[in-house]
Amino acid sequence: MPAELVVLALSIILLVVHIALQGNLATRERGIDWNAGPRDGEAKPLGTMAGRAQRALDNFKETWPAFIALALGLSVIDETGGIGALGAWLWLIARVAYLPLYLFGVRYVRSIAFLTSMFGLALMLIRFLF
């Protein structure tokens, strides 16, 4: 299996981690009744950790579609490997690093992790286009 598809599968695990973490932290703050209920009306604002988990999840969801498209696109045109595979791994490693950096409020390094993930996508795009 091409590296890009392996990383795609691993990225789904990372999505589940994001969702589970965010849901757990939000439920801890808002209560089990909120989680089990219809969530109608205004929810009370999230605290620090749950808010950060939500924003980290939102940020992941902003870059994940591009990653999916590139990973599948490289596989379809049979251009896997090389800098595309490097870019995929770079994207995943940076996204894994991003989550705890965001949760614990590590400034600047978190931004470097985000930029590294974007560089990974750029490498994949270069492989896709050329």
C-alpha atoms as a PDB file:
ATOM      1  CA  MET A   1       0.000   0.000   0.000  1.00  0.00           C
ATOM      2  CA  PRO A   2       1.374   3.440  -0.866  1.00  0.00           C
ATOM      3  CA  ALA A   3       2.638   5.548   2.024  1.00  0.00           C
ATOM      4  CA  GLU A   4       0.094   8.243   1.234  1.00  0.00           C
ATOM      5  CA  LEU A   5      -2.764   5.790   1.833  1.00  0.00           C
ATOM      6  CA  VAL A   6      -1.191   4.480   5.028  1.00  0.00           C
ATOM      7  CA  VAL A   7      -0.980   8.047   6.288  1.00  0.00           C
ATOM      8  CA  LEU A   8      -4.574   8.625   5.163  1.00  0.00           C
ATOM      9  CA  ALA A   9      -5.702   5.701   7.326  1.00  0.00           C
ATOM     10  CA  LEU A  10      -3.674   7.026  10.256  1.00  0.00           C
ATOM     11  CA  SER A  11      -5.186  10.472   9.751  1.00  0.00           C
ATOM     12  CA  ILE A  12      -8.628   8.978  10.368  1.00  0.00           C
ATOM     13  CA  ILE A  13      -7.361   7.729  13.726  1.00  0.00           C
ATOM     14  CA  LEU A  14      -6.107  11.235  14.459  1.00  0.00           C
ATOM     15  CA  LEU A  15      -9.539  12.645  13.574  1.00  0.00           C
ATOM     16  CA  VAL A  16     -11.153  10.219  16.028  1.00  0.00           C
ATOM     17  CA  VAL A  17      -8.651  11.267  18.714  1.00  0.00           C
ATOM     18  CA  HIS A  18      -9.515  14.935  18.090  1.00  0.00           C
ATOM     19  CA  ILE A  19     -13.261  14.268  18.272  1.00  0.00           C
ATOM     20  CA  ALA A  20     -13.019  12.047  21.365  1.00  0.00           C
ATOM     21  CA  LEU A  21     -10.795  14.509  23.204  1.00  0.00           C
ATOM     22  CA  GLN A  22     -12.959  17.499  22.355  1.00  0.00           C
ATOM     23  CA  GLY A  23     -16.154  15.641  23.253  1.00  0.00           C
ATOM     24  CA  ASN A  24     -14.741  14.404  26.537  1.00  0.00           C
ATOM     25  CA  LEU A  25     -13.514  17.841  27.597  1.00  0.00           C
ATOM     26  CA  ALA A  26     -16.753  19.562  26.563  1.00  0.00           C
ATOM     27  CA  THR A  27     -18.843  16.959  28.380  1.00  0.00           C
ATOM     28  CA  ARG A  28     -16.712  17.347  31.496  1.00  0.00           C
ATOM     29  CA  GLU A  29     -17.505  21.078  31.481  1.00  0.00           C
ATOM     30  CA  ARG A  30     -21.110  21.040  30.283  1.00  0.00           C
ATOM     31  CA  GLY A  31     -22.244  17.775  31.857  1.00  0.00           C
ATOM     32  CA  ILE A  32     -23.553  14.442  30.686  1.00  0.00           C
ATOM     33  CA  ASP A  33     -27.112  15.806  30.329  1.00  0.00           C
ATOM     34  CA  TRP A  34     -25.856  18.327  27.786  1.00  0.00           C
ATOM     35  CA  ASN A  35     -24.010  15.621  25.872  1.00  0.00           C
ATOM     36  CA  ALA A  36     -26.971  13.235  25.863  1.00  0.00           C
ATOM     37  CA  GLY A  37     -29.511  15.954  25.118  1.00  0.00           C
ATOM     38  CA  PRO A  38     -30.499  17.691  21.878  1.00  0.00           C
ATOM     39  CA  ARG A  39     -28.171  20.651  22.576  1.00  0.00           C
ATOM     40  CA  ASP A  40     -30.882  23.168  21.739  1.00  0.00           C
ATOM     41  CA  GLY A  41     -30.326  26.816  22.562  1.00  0.00           C
ATOM     42  CA  GLU A  42     -27.145  28.526  23.592  1.00  0.00           C
ATOM     43  CA  ALA A  43     -24.480  26.337  25.130  1.00  0.00           C
ATOM     44  CA  LYS A  44     -22.399  27.835  27.880  1.00  0.00           C
ATOM     45  CA  PRO A  45     -18.956  28.877  26.597  1.00  0.00           C
ATOM     46  CA  LEU A  46     -16.231  26.287  26.736  1.00  0.00           C
ATOM     47  CA  GLY A  47     -13.432  26.692  29.251  1.00  0.00           C
ATOM     48  CA  THR A  48      -9.762  26.830  28.402  1.00  0.00           C
ATOM     49  CA  MET A  49      -8.980  23.185  27.633  1.00  0.00           C
ATOM     50  CA  ALA A  50     -12.281  22.308  25.950  1.00  0.00           C
ATOM     51  CA  GLY A  51     -12.110  25.506  23.925  1.00  0.00           C
ATOM     52  CA  ARG A  52      -8.589  24.726  22.807  1.00  0.00           C
ATOM     53  CA  ALA A  53      -9.604  21.172  21.897  1.00  0.00           C
ATOM     54  CA  GLN A  54     -12.469  22.560  19.801  1.00  0.00           C
ATOM     55  CA  ARG A  55     -10.213  25.047  18.022  1.00  0.00           C
ATOM     56  CA  ALA A  56      -7.574  22.359  17.394  1.00  0.00           C
ATOM     57  CA  LEU A  57     -10.269  20.114  15.902  1.00  0.00           C
ATOM     58  CA  ASP A  58     -11.534  22.981  13.745  1.00  0.00           C
ATOM     59  CA  ASN A  59      -7.994  23.658  12.566  1.00  0.00           C
ATOM     60  CA  PHE A  60      -7.475  19.981  11.720  1.00  0.00           C
ATOM     61  CA  LYS A  61     -10.700  19.961   9.711  1.00  0.00           C
ATOM     62  CA  GLU A  62      -9.437  22.953   7.699  1.00  0.00           C
ATOM     63  CA  THR A  63      -6.413  21.098   6.299  1.00  0.00           C
ATOM     64  CA  TRP A  64      -7.688  17.511   6.321  1.00  0.00           C
ATOM     65  CA  PRO A  65      -9.790  17.781   3.122  1.00  0.00           C
ATOM     66  CA  ALA A  66      -6.761  18.998   1.156  1.00  0.00           C
ATOM     67  CA  PHE A  67      -4.711  16.132   2.539  1.00  0.00           C
ATOM     68  CA  ILE A  68      -7.392  13.597   1.609  1.00  0.00           C
ATOM     69  CA  ALA A  69      -7.654  14.999  -1.920  1.00  0.00           C
ATOM     70  CA  LEU A  70      -3.901  14.935  -2.423  1.00  0.00           C
ATOM     71  CA  ALA A  71      -3.420  11.452  -0.966  1.00  0.00           C
ATOM     72  CA  LEU A  72      -6.189  10.005  -3.108  1.00  0.00           C
ATOM     73  CA  GLY A  73      -5.160  12.031  -6.144  1.00  0.00           C
ATOM     74  CA  LEU A  74      -1.582  10.791  -5.970  1.00  0.00           C
ATOM     75  CA  SER A  75      -2.846   7.229  -5.691  1.00  0.00           C
ATOM     76  CA  VAL A  76      -5.248   7.594  -8.623  1.00  0.00           C
ATOM     77  CA  ILE A  77      -2.596   8.969 -10.967  1.00  0.00           C
ATOM     78  CA  ASP A  78      -0.056   6.441  -9.657  1.00  0.00           C
ATOM     79  CA  GLU A  79       2.404   9.101  -8.508  1.00  0.00           C
ATOM     80  CA  THR A  80       2.854   7.933  -4.938  1.00  0.00           C
ATOM     81  CA  GLY A  81       6.185   7.951  -3.189  1.00  0.00           C
ATOM     82  CA  GLY A  82       9.006  10.453  -3.318  1.00  0.00           C
ATOM     83  CA  ILE A  83       8.248  13.928  -2.047  1.00  0.00           C
ATOM     84  CA  GLY A  84       4.532  13.126  -1.993  1.00  0.00           C
ATOM     85  CA  ALA A  85       5.068  10.415   0.605  1.00  0.00           C
ATOM     86  CA  LEU A  86       7.488  12.644   2.503  1.00  0.00           C
ATOM     87  CA  GLY A  87       4.884  15.400   2.477  1.00  0.00           C
ATOM     88  CA  ALA A  88       2.184  13.056   3.733  1.00  0.00           C
ATOM     89  CA  TRP A  89       4.303  11.874   6.662  1.00  0.00           C
ATOM     90  CA  LEU A  90       5.393  15.430   7.410  1.00  0.00           C
ATOM     91  CA  TRP A  91       1.755  16.570   7.425  1.00  0.00           C
ATOM     92  CA  LEU A  92       0.720  13.763   9.797  1.00  0.00           C
ATOM     93  CA  ILE A  93       3.625  14.150  12.218  1.00  0.00           C
ATOM     94  CA  ALA A  94       3.098  17.910  12.362  1.00  0.00           C
ATOM     95  CA  ARG A  95      -0.659  17.441  12.917  1.00  0.00           C
ATOM     96  CA  VAL A  96      -0.011  14.957  15.740  1.00  0.00           C
ATOM     97  CA  ALA A  97       2.425  17.422  17.338  1.00  0.00           C
ATOM     98  CA  TYR A  98      -0.017  20.309  16.874  1.00  0.00           C
ATOM     99  CA  LEU A  99      -2.691  18.867  19.161  1.00  0.00           C
ATOM    100  CA  PRO A 100      -0.789  18.804  22.486  1.00  0.00           C
ATOM    101  CA  LEU A 101       0.991  22.032  21.579  1.00  0.00           C
ATOM    102  CA  TYR A 102      -2.368  23.734  21.163  1.00  0.00           C
ATOM    103  CA  LEU A 103      -3.913  22.118  24.245  1.00  0.00           C
ATOM    104  CA  PHE A 104      -1.076  23.284  26.468  1.00  0.00           C
ATOM    105  CA  GLY A 105      -0.850  26.756  24.929  1.00  0.00           C
ATOM    106  CA  VAL A 106       2.665  26.458  23.539  1.00  0.00           C
ATOM    107  CA  ARG A 107       3.081  29.581  21.443  1.00  0.00           C
ATOM    108  CA  TYR A 108       5.223  29.826  18.327  1.00  0.00           C
ATOM    109  CA  VAL A 109       6.130  26.115  18.319  1.00  0.00           C
ATOM    110  CA  ARG A 110       2.451  25.384  17.641  1.00  0.00           C
ATOM    111  CA  SER A 111       2.603  27.782  14.691  1.00  0.00           C
ATOM    112  CA  ILE A 112       5.735  26.044  13.432  1.00  0.00           C
ATOM    113  CA  ALA A 113       3.902  22.706  13.614  1.00  0.00           C
ATOM    114  CA  PHE A 114       1.026  24.168  11.589  1.00  0.00           C
ATOM    115  CA  LEU A 115       3.393  25.630   8.987  1.00  0.00           C
ATOM    116  CA  THR A 116       5.226  22.311   8.797  1.00  0.00           C
ATOM    117  CA  SER A 117       1.945  20.544   8.048  1.00  0.00           C
ATOM    118  CA  MET A 118       1.246  23.083   5.302  1.00  0.00           C
ATOM    119  CA  PHE A 119       4.714  22.477   3.877  1.00  0.00           C
ATOM    120  CA  GLY A 120       3.868  18.762   3.801  1.00  0.00           C
ATOM    121  CA  LEU A 121       0.747  19.547   1.785  1.00  0.00           C
ATOM    122  CA  ALA A 122       2.829  21.707  -0.549  1.00  0.00           C
ATOM    123  CA  LEU A 123       5.211  18.810  -1.169  1.00  0.00           C
ATOM    124  CA  MET A 124       2.278  16.576  -1.989  1.00  0.00           C
ATOM    125  CA  LEU A 125       0.867  19.198  -4.338  1.00  0.00           C
ATOM    126  CA  ILE A 126       4.207  19.531  -6.132  1.00  0.00           C
ATOM    127  CA  ARG A 127       4.297  15.759  -6.623  1.00  0.00           C
ATOM    128  CA  PHE A 128       0.708  15.841  -7.875  1.00  0.00           C
ATOM    129  CA  LEU A 129       1.279  18.646 -10.373  1.00  0.00           C
ATOM    130  CA  PHE A 130       4.728  17.769 -11.679  1.00  0.00           C
END
